[in-house]
Amino acid sequence: MIRRIFRMAADAVPIKKIAETLTEERVMNPAAHQEIAYGTESRNHRYQDPCLWNNGTIIRILERQEYLGHTVLGKTVQESFKSKKRKWLSPEDWLIFPNTHEAIIDQEIWDMANKQRKRAPK
């Protein structure tokens, strides 16, 4: 499914259309898949329909470098040892370890998908 999402994005299919297509085809969203496959409730159990996709989910999938086979650490940092709140760091501050596992998407498709996504009108 990840490969298909990236191919659709690389072919300049709008994010909204990708989400609508997956919803129409009754493909389970990642949170529902996690709950069914692993028996654990997702952190944000906000969905009513397990096959309902939204634009934000597609965007998060397209931004993840982990699909290239990289390990990405240090995306968030704890503000204080007294608080459990975490804040997001800028991508320049992330620790990226390339080629730590098998890639699902090759670099060319990832680049094309993200280039098309950034080019699309908002």
Protein backbone atom coordinates (compact mmCIF):
# COMPACT_ATOMS: atom_id res chain seq x y z
CA MET A 1 0.00 0.00 0.00
CA ILE A 2 2.88 2.37 0.78
CA ARG A 3 4.36 1.84 -2.68
CA ARG A 4 1.00 2.59 -4.24
CA ILE A 5 0.58 5.82 -2.26
CA PHE A 6 4.04 6.97 -3.35
CA ARG A 7 3.39 6.03 -6.99
CA MET A 8 0.13 7.95 -7.01
CA ALA A 9 1.81 11.00 -5.47
CA ALA A 10 4.70 10.77 -7.95
CA ASP A 11 2.13 10.69 -10.78
CA ALA A 12 0.80 14.06 -9.50
CA VAL A 13 -2.43 12.66 -8.06
CA PRO A 14 -3.64 15.21 -5.47
CA ILE A 15 -3.43 14.19 -1.80
CA LYS A 16 -7.19 14.51 -1.40
CA LYS A 17 -7.79 12.17 -4.35
CA ILE A 18 -5.38 9.58 -2.90
CA ALA A 19 -7.27 9.66 0.41
CA GLU A 20 -10.63 9.39 -1.37
CA THR A 21 -9.42 6.45 -3.47
CA LEU A 22 -8.18 4.50 -0.44
CA THR A 23 -11.42 5.23 1.43
CA GLU A 24 -13.55 4.11 -1.52
CA GLU A 25 -11.54 0.90 -1.84
CA ARG A 26 -12.06 0.26 1.91
CA VAL A 27 -8.34 0.05 2.71
CA MET A 28 -7.73 0.16 6.46
CA ASN A 29 -5.99 3.28 7.74
CA PRO A 30 -2.70 2.85 9.66
CA ALA A 31 -4.27 3.28 13.12
CA ALA A 32 -6.91 0.61 12.48
CA HIS A 33 -4.30 -1.70 10.97
CA GLN A 34 -2.11 -1.33 14.08
CA GLU A 35 -5.01 -2.18 16.36
CA ILE A 36 -6.07 -5.24 14.40
CA ALA A 37 -2.63 -6.58 13.45
CA TYR A 38 -0.87 -6.00 16.77
CA GLY A 39 -3.77 -5.86 19.22
CA THR A 40 -2.73 -2.47 20.57
CA GLU A 41 -4.83 0.66 20.52
CA SER A 42 -3.24 3.57 18.69
CA ARG A 43 -2.34 6.69 20.67
CA ASN A 44 -4.96 8.74 18.90
CA HIS A 45 -7.99 6.53 18.54
CA ARG A 46 -10.11 9.23 16.92
CA TYR A 47 -11.52 7.49 13.88
CA GLN A 48 -15.09 6.27 13.52
CA ASP A 49 -14.55 4.27 10.32
CA PRO A 50 -11.40 2.10 10.17
CA CYS A 51 -11.25 2.60 6.39
CA LEU A 52 -11.52 6.40 6.41
CA TRP A 53 -8.33 8.12 5.21
CA ASN A 54 -7.57 11.82 5.59
CA ASN A 55 -5.08 14.13 3.93
CA GLY A 56 -2.86 14.38 7.02
CA THR A 57 -2.27 10.65 7.09
CA ILE A 58 -1.17 10.64 3.45
CA ILE A 59 1.13 13.62 4.03
CA ARG A 60 2.76 11.96 7.05
CA ILE A 61 3.38 8.81 5.02
CA LEU A 62 4.95 10.79 2.17
CA GLU A 63 7.26 12.69 4.56
CA ARG A 64 8.68 9.62 6.33
CA GLN A 65 12.27 8.87 5.40
CA GLU A 66 12.00 5.50 7.10
CA TYR A 67 10.46 4.12 3.89
CA LEU A 68 13.82 4.81 2.19
CA GLY A 69 15.52 2.39 4.60
CA HIS A 70 16.84 5.08 6.95
CA THR A 71 16.51 5.29 10.70
CA VAL A 72 15.50 8.75 11.89
CA LEU A 73 16.04 9.65 15.54
CA GLY A 74 15.75 12.83 17.55
CA LYS A 75 12.57 14.21 15.99
CA THR A 76 11.38 15.35 19.41
CA VAL A 77 13.02 16.34 22.66
CA GLN A 78 11.65 16.45 26.18
CA GLU A 79 11.40 20.06 27.32
CA SER A 80 12.25 19.31 30.95
CA PHE A 81 12.86 16.25 33.08
CA LYS A 82 9.94 17.49 35.21
CA SER A 83 7.52 17.54 32.30
CA LYS A 84 6.40 14.83 29.90
CA LYS A 85 5.79 17.37 27.16
CA ARG A 86 7.87 16.99 24.03
CA LYS A 87 8.61 19.53 21.33
CA TRP A 88 9.40 18.88 17.70
CA LEU A 89 12.87 19.70 16.42
CA SER A 90 13.55 21.03 12.95
CA PRO A 91 14.53 18.41 10.36
CA GLU A 92 18.08 19.80 10.29
CA ASP A 93 18.51 18.63 13.91
CA TRP A 94 17.32 15.05 13.33
CA LEU A 95 19.79 12.18 13.45
CA ILE A 96 19.48 10.21 10.21
CA PHE A 97 21.24 6.87 9.81
CA PRO A 98 21.02 5.84 6.16
CA ASN A 99 20.45 2.30 4.90
CA THR A 100 19.81 0.60 8.24
CA HIS A 101 17.04 -1.64 6.89
CA GLU A 102 15.48 -2.70 3.61
CA ALA A 103 13.90 0.19 1.73
CA ILE A 104 10.27 0.04 0.66
CA ILE A 105 10.58 3.02 -1.68
CA ASP A 106 13.60 4.00 -3.76
CA GLN A 107 15.03 7.52 -3.56
CA GLU A 108 13.81 8.49 -7.04
CA ILE A 109 10.13 7.74 -6.29
CA TRP A 110 10.40 9.45 -2.85
CA ASP A 111 11.90 12.57 -4.45
CA MET A 112 9.29 12.67 -7.24
CA ALA A 113 6.38 12.20 -4.81
CA ASN A 114 7.58 14.95 -2.49
CA LYS A 115 8.41 17.29 -5.36
CA GLN A 116 4.89 16.87 -6.78
CA ARG A 117 3.35 17.30 -3.33
CA LYS A 118 5.18 20.59 -2.72
CA ARG A 119 4.33 21.81 -6.22
CA ALA A 120 0.60 21.19 -5.84
CA PRO A 121 -1.59 24.21 -5.09
CA LYS A 122 -2.83 24.49 -1.53
